[in-house]
């Protein structure tokens, strides 16, 4: 690491370290066995629920086994009423009660 920083500074690129690091992290995440994601839940999840959900999401988003774990960030949104939404690698799934209610509402309105 020290040698990398020395070479970067010697070549006058110290001011570009931020973009170099961002590119490295993007490439590392893409090639590693882990993927980043965001889960929004209606209520706080227990550690067991988080682990169980991670396992389910890995199977759903990566059935080919290309990723074996997720680096999930969790946030709360009580307007979901129940369930969760998940965004992983620019893919989105909505398993919320609010979404179910909206779908039923649409069916009733078109009937």
PDB file of N, CA and C in Angstrom:
ATOM      1  N   UNK A   1       0.824  -1.180   0.000  1.00  0.00           N
ATOM      2  CA  UNK A   1       0.000   0.000   0.000  1.00  0.00           C
ATOM      3  C   UNK A   1       0.874   1.253   0.000  1.00  0.00           C
ATOM      4  N   UNK A   2       1.922   1.230   0.822  1.00  0.00           N
ATOM      5  CA  UNK A   2       2.809   2.380   0.892  1.00  0.00           C
ATOM      6  C   UNK A   2       3.454   2.638  -0.470  1.00  0.00           C
ATOM      7  N   UNK A   3       3.871   1.563  -1.129  1.00  0.00           N
ATOM      8  CA  UNK A   3       4.499   1.700  -2.442  1.00  0.00           C
ATOM      9  C   UNK A   3       3.511   2.281  -3.452  1.00  0.00           C
ATOM     10  N   UNK A   4       2.256   1.830  -3.402  1.00  0.00           N
ATOM     11  CA  UNK A   4       1.232   2.354  -4.306  1.00  0.00           C
ATOM     12  C   UNK A   4       1.050   3.854  -4.103  1.00  0.00           C
ATOM     13  N   UNK A   5       0.953   4.277  -2.832  1.00  0.00           N
ATOM     14  CA  UNK A   5       0.773   5.698  -2.554  1.00  0.00           C
ATOM     15  C   UNK A   5       1.982   6.517  -2.997  1.00  0.00           C
ATOM     16  N   UNK A   6       3.169   5.958  -2.816  1.00  0.00           N
ATOM     17  CA  UNK A   6       4.394   6.647  -3.234  1.00  0.00           C
ATOM     18  C   UNK A   6       4.414   6.829  -4.749  1.00  0.00           C
ATOM     19  N   UNK A   7       4.111   5.774  -5.484  1.00  0.00           N
ATOM     20  CA  UNK A   7       4.096   5.850  -6.950  1.00  0.00           C
ATOM     21  C   UNK A   7       3.031   6.835  -7.414  1.00  0.00           C
ATOM     22  N   UNK A   8       1.865   6.801  -6.783  1.00  0.00           N
ATOM     23  CA  UNK A   8       0.780   7.718  -7.147  1.00  0.00           C
ATOM     24  C   UNK A   8       1.209   9.165  -6.924  1.00  0.00           C
ATOM     25  N   UNK A   9       1.817   9.444  -5.788  1.00  0.00           N
ATOM     26  CA  UNK A   9       2.279  10.800  -5.488  1.00  0.00           C
ATOM     27  C   UNK A   9       3.414  11.218  -6.415  1.00  0.00           C
ATOM     28  N   UNK A  10       4.356  10.312  -6.667  1.00  0.00           N
ATOM     29  CA  UNK A  10       5.493  10.618  -7.544  1.00  0.00           C
ATOM     30  C   UNK A  10       5.045  10.943  -8.961  1.00  0.00           C
ATOM     31  N   UNK A  11       3.937  10.346  -9.381  1.00  0.00           N
ATOM     32  CA  UNK A  11       3.421  10.600 -10.723  1.00  0.00           C
ATOM     33  C   UNK A  11       2.420  11.753 -10.770  1.00  0.00           C
ATOM     34  N   UNK A  12       2.325  12.506  -9.665  1.00  0.00           N
ATOM     35  CA  UNK A  12       1.468  13.683  -9.628  1.00  0.00           C
ATOM     36  C   UNK A  12      -0.017  13.363  -9.653  1.00  0.00           C
ATOM     37  N   UNK A  13      -0.386  12.216  -9.138  1.00  0.00           N
ATOM     38  CA  UNK A  13      -1.796  11.808  -9.188  1.00  0.00           C
ATOM     39  C   UNK A  13      -2.432  11.698  -7.799  1.00  0.00           C
ATOM     40  N   UNK A  14      -1.820  12.303  -6.805  1.00  0.00           N
ATOM     41  CA  UNK A  14      -2.353  12.222  -5.448  1.00  0.00           C
ATOM     42  C   UNK A  14      -3.764  12.804  -5.369  1.00  0.00           C
ATOM     43  N   UNK A  15      -4.030  13.821  -6.188  1.00  0.00           N
ATOM     44  CA  UNK A  15      -5.357  14.439  -6.162  1.00  0.00           C
ATOM     45  C   UNK A  15      -6.425  13.540  -6.798  1.00  0.00           C
ATOM     46  N   UNK A  16      -6.013  12.447  -7.423  1.00  0.00           N
ATOM     47  CA  UNK A  16      -6.960  11.531  -8.055  1.00  0.00           C
ATOM     48  C   UNK A  16      -7.210  10.273  -7.227  1.00  0.00           C
ATOM     49  N   UNK A  17      -6.693  10.239  -5.999  1.00  0.00           N
ATOM     50  CA  UNK A  17      -6.846   9.050  -5.161  1.00  0.00           C
ATOM     51  C   UNK A  17      -8.314   8.693  -4.910  1.00  0.00           C
ATOM     52  N   UNK A  18      -9.172   9.701  -4.776  1.00  0.00           N
ATOM     53  CA  UNK A  18     -10.597   9.439  -4.545  1.00  0.00           C
ATOM     54  C   UNK A  18     -11.222   8.651  -5.679  1.00  0.00           C
ATOM     55  N   UNK A  19     -10.980   9.069  -6.913  1.00  0.00           N
ATOM     56  CA  UNK A  19     -11.565   8.362  -8.058  1.00  0.00           C
ATOM     57  C   UNK A  19     -10.893   7.006  -8.279  1.00  0.00           C
ATOM     58  N   UNK A  20      -9.594   6.916  -7.969  1.00  0.00           N
ATOM     59  CA  UNK A  20      -8.898   5.632  -8.076  1.00  0.00           C
ATOM     60  C   UNK A  20      -9.503   4.633  -7.096  1.00  0.00           C
ATOM     61  N   UNK A  21      -9.732   5.077  -5.869  1.00  0.00           N
ATOM     62  CA  UNK A  21     -10.320   4.202  -4.852  1.00  0.00           C
ATOM     63  C   UNK A  21     -11.751   3.807  -5.229  1.00  0.00           C
ATOM     64  N   UNK A  22     -12.540   4.753  -5.730  1.00  0.00           N
ATOM     65  CA  UNK A  22     -13.926   4.455  -6.132  1.00  0.00           C
ATOM     66  C   UNK A  22     -13.953   3.402  -7.236  1.00  0.00           C
ATOM     67  N   UNK A  23     -13.070   3.523  -8.214  1.00  0.00           N
ATOM     68  CA  UNK A  23     -12.999   2.549  -9.301  1.00  0.00           C
ATOM     69  C   UNK A  23     -12.571   1.186  -8.776  1.00  0.00           C
ATOM     70  N   UNK A  24     -11.589   1.185  -7.893  1.00  0.00           N
ATOM     71  CA  UNK A  24     -11.134  -0.073  -7.308  1.00  0.00           C
ATOM     72  C   UNK A  24     -12.274  -0.771  -6.563  1.00  0.00           C
ATOM     73  N   UNK A  25     -12.996  -0.019  -5.717  1.00  0.00           N
ATOM     74  CA  UNK A  25     -14.080  -0.614  -4.937  1.00  0.00           C
ATOM     75  C   UNK A  25     -15.194  -1.130  -5.836  1.00  0.00           C
ATOM     76  N   UNK A  26     -15.494  -0.408  -6.904  1.00  0.00           N
ATOM     77  CA  UNK A  26     -16.528  -0.861  -7.837  1.00  0.00           C
ATOM     78  C   UNK A  26     -16.107  -2.177  -8.485  1.00  0.00           C
ATOM     79  N   UNK A  27     -14.876  -2.245  -8.936  1.00  0.00           N
ATOM     80  CA  UNK A  27     -14.373  -3.469  -9.574  1.00  0.00           C
ATOM     81  C   UNK A  27     -14.266  -4.614  -8.568  1.00  0.00           C
ATOM     82  N   UNK A  28     -13.856  -4.309  -7.343  1.00  0.00           N
ATOM     83  CA  UNK A  28     -13.734  -5.343  -6.318  1.00  0.00           C
ATOM     84  C   UNK A  28     -15.099  -5.924  -5.989  1.00  0.00           C
ATOM     85  N   UNK A  29     -16.095  -5.054  -5.811  1.00  0.00           N
ATOM     86  CA  UNK A  29     -17.440  -5.513  -5.489  1.00  0.00           C
ATOM     87  C   UNK A  29     -18.004  -6.359  -6.620  1.00  0.00           C
ATOM     88  N   UNK A  30     -17.751  -5.963  -7.848  1.00  0.00           N
ATOM     89  CA  UNK A  30     -18.254  -6.701  -9.001  1.00  0.00           C
ATOM     90  C   UNK A  30     -17.642  -8.089  -9.071  1.00  0.00           C
ATOM     91  N   UNK A  31     -16.369  -8.213  -8.731  1.00  0.00           N
ATOM     92  CA  UNK A  31     -15.689  -9.491  -8.884  1.00  0.00           C
ATOM     93  C   UNK A  31     -15.724 -10.362  -7.626  1.00  0.00           C
ATOM     94  N   UNK A  32     -16.092  -9.800  -6.490  1.00  0.00           N
ATOM     95  CA  UNK A  32     -16.051 -10.579  -5.255  1.00  0.00           C
ATOM     96  C   UNK A  32     -17.281 -11.465  -5.109  1.00  0.00           C
ATOM     97  N   UNK A  33     -17.279 -12.302  -4.107  1.00  0.00           N
ATOM     98  CA  UNK A  33     -18.397 -13.218  -3.855  1.00  0.00           C
ATOM     99  C   UNK A  33     -19.531 -12.524  -3.110  1.00  0.00           C
ATOM    100  N   UNK A  34     -19.396 -11.232  -2.860  1.00  0.00           N
ATOM    101  CA  UNK A  34     -20.407 -10.479  -2.128  1.00  0.00           C
ATOM    102  C   UNK A  34     -20.966  -9.365  -3.006  1.00  0.00           C
ATOM    103  N   UNK A  35     -22.222  -9.008  -2.757  1.00  0.00           N
ATOM    104  CA  UNK A  35     -22.857  -7.903  -3.474  1.00  0.00           C
ATOM    105  C   UNK A  35     -23.438  -6.941  -2.443  1.00  0.00           C
ATOM    106  N   UNK A  36     -23.521  -5.679  -2.813  1.00  0.00           N
ATOM    107  CA  UNK A  36     -24.098  -4.674  -1.922  1.00  0.00           C
ATOM    108  C   UNK A  36     -25.587  -4.542  -2.202  1.00  0.00           C
ATOM    109  N   UNK A  37     -26.327  -4.202  -1.161  1.00  0.00           N
ATOM    110  CA  UNK A  37     -27.753  -4.012  -1.336  1.00  0.00           C
ATOM    111  C   UNK A  37     -28.370  -3.181  -0.236  1.00  0.00           C
ATOM    112  N   UNK A  38     -29.603  -2.760  -0.498  1.00  0.00           N
ATOM    113  CA  UNK A  38     -30.372  -1.967   0.454  1.00  0.00           C
ATOM    114  C   UNK A  38     -31.706  -2.659   0.678  1.00  0.00           C
ATOM    115  N   UNK A  39     -32.024  -2.910   1.939  1.00  0.00           N
ATOM    116  CA  UNK A  39     -33.312  -3.489   2.305  1.00  0.00           C
ATOM    117  C   UNK A  39     -34.066  -2.445   3.123  1.00  0.00           C
ATOM    118  N   UNK A  40     -35.293  -2.183   2.713  1.00  0.00           N
ATOM    119  CA  UNK A  40     -36.154  -1.282   3.456  1.00  0.00           C
ATOM    120  C   UNK A  40     -37.287  -2.117   4.030  1.00  0.00           C
ATOM    121  N   UNK A  41     -37.441  -2.078   5.331  1.00  0.00           N
ATOM    122  CA  UNK A  41     -38.459  -2.879   6.009  1.00  0.00           C
ATOM    123  C   UNK A  41     -39.445  -1.979   6.735  1.00  0.00           C
ATOM    124  N   UNK A  42     -40.639  -2.511   6.958  1.00  0.00           N
ATOM    125  CA  UNK A  42     -41.665  -1.757   7.662  1.00  0.00           C
ATOM    126  C   UNK A  42     -41.367  -1.657   9.150  1.00  0.00           C
ATOM    127  N   UNK A  43     -40.696  -2.675   9.695  1.00  0.00           N
ATOM    128  CA  UNK A  43     -40.360  -2.720  11.112  1.00  0.00           C
ATOM    129  C   UNK A  43     -38.905  -3.145  11.269  1.00  0.00           C
ATOM    130  N   UNK A  44     -38.291  -2.840  12.419  1.00  0.00           N
ATOM    131  CA  UNK A  44     -36.910  -3.290  12.637  1.00  0.00           C
ATOM    132  C   UNK A  44     -36.828  -4.816  12.581  1.00  0.00           C
ATOM    133  N   UNK A  45     -35.767  -5.321  11.968  1.00  0.00           N
ATOM    134  CA  UNK A  45     -35.559  -6.765  11.849  1.00  0.00           C
ATOM    135  C   UNK A  45     -34.583  -7.246  12.909  1.00  0.00           C
ATOM    136  N   UNK A  46     -34.840  -8.419  13.426  1.00  0.00           N
ATOM    137  CA  UNK A  46     -33.922  -9.028  14.381  1.00  0.00           C
ATOM    138  C   UNK A  46     -32.700  -9.548  13.618  1.00  0.00           C
ATOM    139  N   UNK A  47     -31.609  -9.826  14.307  1.00  0.00           N
ATOM    140  CA  UNK A  47     -30.443 -10.405  13.624  1.00  0.00           C
ATOM    141  C   UNK A  47     -30.786 -11.707  12.892  1.00  0.00           C
ATOM    142  N   UNK A  48     -31.630 -12.536  13.490  1.00  0.00           N
ATOM    143  CA  UNK A  48     -32.029 -13.783  12.834  1.00  0.00           C
ATOM    144  C   UNK A  48     -32.803 -13.497  11.561  1.00  0.00           C
ATOM    145  N   UNK A  49     -33.733 -12.521  11.588  1.00  0.00           N
ATOM    146  CA  UNK A  49     -34.507 -12.168  10.399  1.00  0.00           C
ATOM    147  C   UNK A  49     -33.605 -11.619   9.302  1.00  0.00           C
ATOM    148  N   UNK A  50     -32.618 -10.811   9.693  1.00  0.00           N
ATOM    149  CA  UNK A  50     -31.685 -10.261   8.707  1.00  0.00           C
ATOM    150  C   UNK A  50     -30.893 -11.373   8.033  1.00  0.00           C
ATOM    151  N   UNK A  51     -30.401 -12.324   8.808  1.00  0.00           N
ATOM    152  CA  UNK A  51     -29.620 -13.438   8.251  1.00  0.00           C
ATOM    153  C   UNK A  51     -30.488 -14.301   7.342  1.00  0.00           C
ATOM    154  N   UNK A  52     -31.699 -14.570   7.774  1.00  0.00           N
ATOM    155  CA  UNK A  52     -32.622 -15.380   6.970  1.00  0.00           C
ATOM    156  C   UNK A  52     -32.974 -14.667   5.665  1.00  0.00           C
ATOM    157  N   UNK A  53     -33.237 -13.379   5.747  1.00  0.00           N
ATOM    158  CA  UNK A  53     -33.566 -12.594   4.560  1.00  0.00           C
ATOM    159  C   UNK A  53     -32.382 -12.540   3.602  1.00  0.00           C
ATOM    160  N   UNK A  54     -31.171 -12.372   4.133  1.00  0.00           N
ATOM    161  CA  UNK A  54     -29.980 -12.353   3.279  1.00  0.00           C
ATOM    162  C   UNK A  54     -29.870 -13.655   2.495  1.00  0.00           C
ATOM    163  N   UNK A  55     -30.076 -14.770   3.169  1.00  0.00           N
ATOM    164  CA  UNK A  55     -29.995 -16.072   2.506  1.00  0.00           C
ATOM    165  C   UNK A  55     -31.037 -16.180   1.392  1.00  0.00           C
ATOM    166  N   UNK A  56     -32.262 -15.751   1.673  1.00  0.00           N
ATOM    167  CA  UNK A  56     -33.325 -15.789   0.666  1.00  0.00           C
ATOM    168  C   UNK A  56     -33.004 -14.892  -0.529  1.00  0.00           C
ATOM    169  N   UNK A  57     -32.468 -13.698  -0.249  1.00  0.00           N
ATOM    170  CA  UNK A  57     -32.160 -12.759  -1.332  1.00  0.00           C
ATOM    171  C   UNK A  57     -31.007 -13.253  -2.198  1.00  0.00           C
ATOM    172  N   UNK A  58     -30.006 -13.882  -1.591  1.00  0.00           N
ATOM    173  CA  UNK A  58     -28.901 -14.458  -2.376  1.00  0.00           C
ATOM    174  C   UNK A  58     -29.463 -15.489  -3.345  1.00  0.00           C
ATOM    175  N   UNK A  59     -30.357 -16.357  -2.856  1.00  0.00           N
ATOM    176  CA  UNK A  59     -30.939 -17.393  -3.717  1.00  0.00           C
ATOM    177  C   UNK A  59     -31.806 -16.788  -4.808  1.00  0.00           C
ATOM    178  N   UNK A  60     -32.536 -15.720  -4.487  1.00  0.00           N
ATOM    179  CA  UNK A  60     -33.435 -15.099  -5.463  1.00  0.00           C
ATOM    180  C   UNK A  60     -32.678 -14.306  -6.525  1.00  0.00           C
ATOM    181  N   UNK A  61     -31.709 -13.505  -6.097  1.00  0.00           N
ATOM    182  CA  UNK A  61     -30.993 -12.627  -7.021  1.00  0.00           C
ATOM    183  C   UNK A  61     -29.836 -13.325  -7.742  1.00  0.00           C
ATOM    184  N   UNK A  62     -29.259 -14.361  -7.123  1.00  0.00           N
ATOM    185  CA  UNK A  62     -28.094 -15.032  -7.695  1.00  0.00           C
ATOM    186  C   UNK A  62     -28.274 -16.551  -7.694  1.00  0.00           C
ATOM    187  N   UNK A  63     -29.300 -17.053  -8.401  1.00  0.00           N
ATOM    188  CA  UNK A  63     -29.542 -18.507  -8.401  1.00  0.00           C
ATOM    189  C   UNK A  63     -28.396 -19.301  -9.030  1.00  0.00           C
ATOM    190  N   UNK A  64     -27.554 -18.623  -9.808  1.00  0.00           N
ATOM    191  CA  UNK A  64     -26.410 -19.289 -10.433  1.00  0.00           C
ATOM    192  C   UNK A  64     -25.235 -19.459  -9.481  1.00  0.00           C
ATOM    193  N   UNK A  65     -25.360 -18.913  -8.259  1.00  0.00           N
ATOM    194  CA  UNK A  65     -24.297 -19.041  -7.271  1.00  0.00           C
ATOM    195  C   UNK A  65     -23.144 -18.082  -7.467  1.00  0.00           C
ATOM    196  N   UNK A  66     -23.323 -17.055  -8.329  1.00  0.00           N
ATOM    197  CA  UNK A  66     -22.234 -16.110  -8.602  1.00  0.00           C
ATOM    198  C   UNK A  66     -21.885 -15.253  -7.384  1.00  0.00           C
ATOM    199  N   UNK A  67     -22.814 -15.099  -6.467  1.00  0.00           N
ATOM    200  CA  UNK A  67     -22.558 -14.384  -5.210  1.00  0.00           C
ATOM    201  C   UNK A  67     -23.028 -15.279  -4.076  1.00  0.00           C
ATOM    202  N   UNK A  68     -22.267 -15.292  -2.999  1.00  0.00           N
ATOM    203  CA  UNK A  68     -22.625 -16.162  -1.881  1.00  0.00           C
ATOM    204  C   UNK A  68     -23.058 -15.392  -0.639  1.00  0.00           C
ATOM    205  N   UNK A  69     -22.886 -14.076  -0.662  1.00  0.00           N
ATOM    206  CA  UNK A  69     -23.317 -13.268   0.480  1.00  0.00           C
ATOM    207  C   UNK A  69     -23.656 -11.867   0.012  1.00  0.00           C
ATOM    208  N   UNK A  70     -24.345 -11.141   0.869  1.00  0.00           N
ATOM    209  CA  UNK A  70     -24.733  -9.769   0.573  1.00  0.00           C
ATOM    210  C   UNK A  70     -24.255  -8.851   1.678  1.00  0.00           C
ATOM    211  N   UNK A  71     -23.812  -7.690   1.295  1.00  0.00           N
ATOM    212  CA  UNK A  71     -23.470  -6.637   2.243  1.00  0.00           C
ATOM    213  C   UNK A  71     -24.684  -5.708   2.253  1.00  0.00           C
ATOM    214  N   UNK A  72     -25.609  -5.965   3.174  1.00  0.00           N
ATOM    215  CA  UNK A  72     -26.880  -5.258   3.180  1.00  0.00           C
ATOM    216  C   UNK A  72     -26.882  -4.086   4.142  1.00  0.00           C
ATOM    217  N   UNK A  73     -27.498  -3.017   3.686  1.00  0.00           N
ATOM    218  CA  UNK A  73     -27.780  -1.864   4.525  1.00  0.00           C
ATOM    219  C   UNK A  73     -29.285  -1.913   4.773  1.00  0.00           C
ATOM    220  N   UNK A  74     -29.705  -1.659   6.005  1.00  0.00           N
ATOM    221  CA  UNK A  74     -31.114  -1.738   6.362  1.00  0.00           C
ATOM    222  C   UNK A  74     -31.635  -0.366   6.750  1.00  0.00           C
ATOM    223  N   UNK A  75     -32.843  -0.062   6.286  1.00  0.00           N
ATOM    224  CA  UNK A  75     -33.502   1.161   6.727  1.00  0.00           C
ATOM    225  C   UNK A  75     -34.983   0.863   6.931  1.00  0.00           C
ATOM    226  N   UNK A  76     -35.655   1.769   7.619  1.00  0.00           N
ATOM    227  CA  UNK A  76     -37.065   1.587   7.957  1.00  0.00           C
ATOM    228  C   UNK A  76     -37.950   2.528   7.159  1.00  0.00           C
ATOM    229  N   UNK A  77     -39.127   2.023   6.790  1.00  0.00           N
ATOM    230  CA  UNK A  77     -40.160   2.822   6.144  1.00  0.00           C
ATOM    231  C   UNK A  77     -41.510   2.272   6.578  1.00  0.00           C
ATOM    232  N   UNK A  78     -42.109   2.848   7.626  1.00  0.00           N
ATOM    233  CA  UNK A  78     -43.386   2.334   8.134  1.00  0.00           C
ATOM    234  C   UNK A  78     -44.514   2.372   7.102  1.00  0.00           C
ATOM    235  N   UNK A  79     -44.380   3.194   6.044  1.00  0.00           N
ATOM    236  CA  UNK A  79     -45.442   3.261   5.032  1.00  0.00           C
ATOM    237  C   UNK A  79     -45.546   1.974   4.217  1.00  0.00           C
ATOM    238  N   UNK A  80     -44.558   1.073   4.362  1.00  0.00           N
ATOM    239  CA  UNK A  80     -44.645  -0.214   3.664  1.00  0.00           C
ATOM    240  C   UNK A  80     -45.737  -1.093   4.286  1.00  0.00           C
ATOM    241  N   UNK A  81     -46.151  -0.784   5.502  1.00  0.00           N
ATOM    242  CA  UNK A  81     -47.194  -1.494   6.253  1.00  0.00           C
ATOM    243  C   UNK A  81     -46.770  -2.876   6.729  1.00  0.00           C
ATOM    244  N   UNK A  82     -45.901  -3.527   6.044  1.00  0.00           N
ATOM    245  CA  UNK A  82     -45.408  -4.857   6.373  1.00  0.00           C
ATOM    246  C   UNK A  82     -44.503  -5.312   5.247  1.00  0.00           C
ATOM    247  N   UNK A  83     -43.684  -6.303   5.502  1.00  0.00           N
ATOM    248  CA  UNK A  83     -42.793  -6.812   4.462  1.00  0.00           C
ATOM    249  C   UNK A  83     -41.573  -5.936   4.253  1.00  0.00           C
ATOM    250  N   UNK A  84     -41.044  -5.979   3.021  1.00  0.00           N
ATOM    251  CA  UNK A  84     -39.803  -5.261   2.733  1.00  0.00           C
ATOM    252  C   UNK A  84     -39.683  -4.992   1.232  1.00  0.00           C
ATOM    253  N   UNK A  85     -38.751  -4.118   0.894  1.00  0.00           N
ATOM    254  CA  UNK A  85     -38.281  -3.955  -0.475  1.00  0.00           C
ATOM    255  C   UNK A  85     -36.777  -4.184  -0.449  1.00  0.00           C
ATOM    256  N   UNK A  86     -36.227  -4.638  -1.572  1.00  0.00           N
ATOM    257  CA  UNK A  86     -34.782  -4.873  -1.645  1.00  0.00           C
ATOM    258  C   UNK A  86     -34.267  -4.410  -2.991  1.00  0.00           C
ATOM    259  N   UNK A  87     -33.145  -3.713  -2.962  1.00  0.00           N
ATOM    260  CA  UNK A  87     -32.457  -3.299  -4.190  1.00  0.00           C
ATOM    261  C   UNK A  87     -31.034  -3.816  -4.108  1.00  0.00           C
ATOM    262  N   UNK A  88     -30.693  -4.679  -5.069  1.00  0.00           N
ATOM    263  CA  UNK A  88     -29.378  -5.306  -5.096  1.00  0.00           C
ATOM    264  C   UNK A  88     -28.871  -5.290  -6.531  1.00  0.00           C
ATOM    265  N   UNK A  89     -27.673  -4.746  -6.722  1.00  0.00           N
ATOM    266  CA  UNK A  89     -27.091  -4.677  -8.065  1.00  0.00           C
ATOM    267  C   UNK A  89     -28.071  -4.123  -9.091  1.00  0.00           C
ATOM    268  N   UNK A  90     -28.703  -3.015  -8.744  1.00  0.00           N
ATOM    269  CA  UNK A  90     -29.625  -2.309  -9.627  1.00  0.00           C
ATOM    270  C   UNK A  90     -30.877  -3.108  -9.982  1.00  0.00           C
ATOM    271  N   UNK A  91     -31.163  -4.154  -9.228  1.00  0.00           N
ATOM    272  CA  UNK A  91     -32.406  -4.904  -9.381  1.00  0.00           C
ATOM    273  C   UNK A  91     -33.253  -4.662  -8.138  1.00  0.00           C
ATOM    274  N   UNK A  92     -34.567  -4.653  -8.321  1.00  0.00           N
ATOM    275  CA  UNK A  92     -35.467  -4.267  -7.245  1.00  0.00           C
ATOM    276  C   UNK A  92     -36.571  -5.299  -7.087  1.00  0.00           C
ATOM    277  N   UNK A  93     -36.924  -5.580  -5.840  1.00  0.00           N
ATOM    278  CA  UNK A  93     -38.050  -6.459  -5.550  1.00  0.00           C
ATOM    279  C   UNK A  93     -38.873  -5.803  -4.445  1.00  0.00           C
ATOM    280  N   UNK A  94     -40.195  -5.838  -4.610  1.00  0.00           N
ATOM    281  CA  UNK A  94     -41.090  -5.219  -3.634  1.00  0.00           C
ATOM    282  C   UNK A  94     -41.996  -6.295  -3.051  1.00  0.00           C
ATOM    283  N   UNK A  95     -41.714  -6.676  -1.821  1.00  0.00           N
ATOM    284  CA  UNK A  95     -42.495  -7.693  -1.115  1.00  0.00           C
ATOM    285  C   UNK A  95     -43.249  -7.048   0.051  1.00  0.00           C
ATOM    286  N   UNK A  96     -43.673  -5.799  -0.144  1.00  0.00           N
ATOM    287  CA  UNK A  96     -44.335  -5.075   0.934  1.00  0.00           C
ATOM    288  C   UNK A  96     -45.843  -5.276   0.885  1.00  0.00           C
ATOM    289  N   UNK A  97     -46.451  -5.105   2.027  1.00  0.00           N
ATOM    290  CA  UNK A  97     -47.902  -5.174   2.128  1.00  0.00           C
ATOM    291  C   UNK A  97     -48.540  -4.013   1.363  1.00  0.00           C
ATOM    292  N   UNK A  98     -47.886  -2.873   1.371  1.00  0.00           N
ATOM    293  CA  UNK A  98     -48.394  -1.723   0.620  1.00  0.00           C
ATOM    294  C   UNK A  98     -48.503  -2.061  -0.862  1.00  0.00           C
ATOM    295  N   UNK A  99     -47.483  -2.709  -1.425  1.00  0.00           N
ATOM    296  CA  UNK A  99     -47.510  -3.087  -2.831  1.00  0.00           C
ATOM    297  C   UNK A  99     -48.644  -4.077  -3.108  1.00  0.00           C
ATOM    298  N   UNK A 100     -48.821  -5.046  -2.210  1.00  0.00           N
ATOM    299  CA  UNK A 100     -49.914  -6.018  -2.366  1.00  0.00           C
ATOM    300  C   UNK A 100     -51.259  -5.307  -2.365  1.00  0.00           C
ATOM    301  N   UNK A 101     -51.437  -4.354  -1.444  1.00  0.00           N
ATOM    302  CA  UNK A 101     -52.698  -3.617  -1.358  1.00  0.00           C
ATOM    303  C   UNK A 101     -52.942  -2.804  -2.626  1.00  0.00           C
ATOM    304  N   UNK A 102     -51.898  -2.201  -3.168  1.00  0.00           N
ATOM    305  CA  UNK A 102     -52.047  -1.431  -4.410  1.00  0.00           C
ATOM    306  C   UNK A 102     -52.422  -2.336  -5.578  1.00  0.00           C
ATOM    307  N   UNK A 103     -51.866  -3.531  -5.628  1.00  0.00           N
ATOM    308  CA  UNK A 103     -52.213  -4.472  -6.693  1.00  0.00           C
ATOM    309  C   UNK A 103     -53.669  -4.904  -6.593  1.00  0.00           C
ATOM    310  N   UNK A 104     -54.132  -5.187  -5.386  1.00  0.00           N
ATOM    311  CA  UNK A 104     -55.540  -5.556  -5.182  1.00  0.00           C
ATOM    312  C   UNK A 104     -56.435  -4.385  -5.575  1.00  0.00           C
ATOM    313  N   UNK A 105     -56.053  -3.183  -5.190  1.00  0.00           N
ATOM    314  CA  UNK A 105     -56.820  -1.991  -5.535  1.00  0.00           C
ATOM    315  C   UNK A 105     -56.934  -1.835  -7.052  1.00  0.00           C
ATOM    316  N   UNK A 106     -55.838  -2.066  -7.761  1.00  0.00           N
ATOM    317  CA  UNK A 106     -55.857  -1.981  -9.217  1.00  0.00           C
ATOM    318  C   UNK A 106     -56.801  -3.020  -9.829  1.00  0.00           C
ATOM    319  N   UNK A 107     -56.787  -4.229  -9.281  1.00  0.00           N
ATOM    320  CA  UNK A 107     -57.665  -5.295  -9.786  1.00  0.00           C
ATOM    321  C   UNK A 107     -59.124  -4.917  -9.556  1.00  0.00           C
ATOM    322  N   UNK A 108     -59.441  -4.392  -8.389  1.00  0.00           N
ATOM    323  CA  UNK A 108     -60.812  -4.001  -8.067  1.00  0.00           C
ATOM    324  C   UNK A 108     -61.261  -2.876  -8.992  1.00  0.00           C
ATOM    325  N   UNK A 109     -60.389  -1.920  -9.244  1.00  0.00           N
ATOM    326  CA  UNK A 109     -60.754  -0.771 -10.096  1.00  0.00           C
ATOM    327  C   UNK A 109     -60.983  -1.192 -11.547  1.00  0.00           C
ATOM    328  N   UNK A 110     -60.267  -2.182 -12.027  1.00  0.00           N
ATOM    329  CA  UNK A 110     -60.411  -2.612 -13.420  1.00  0.00           C
ATOM    330  C   UNK A 110     -61.518  -3.664 -13.595  1.00  0.00           C
ATOM    331  N   UNK A 111     -62.092  -4.136 -12.509  1.00  0.00           N
ATOM    332  CA  UNK A 111     -63.152  -5.139 -12.595  1.00  0.00           C
ATOM    333  C   UNK A 111     -64.502  -4.526 -12.806  1.00  0.00           C
TER     334      UNK A 111
END
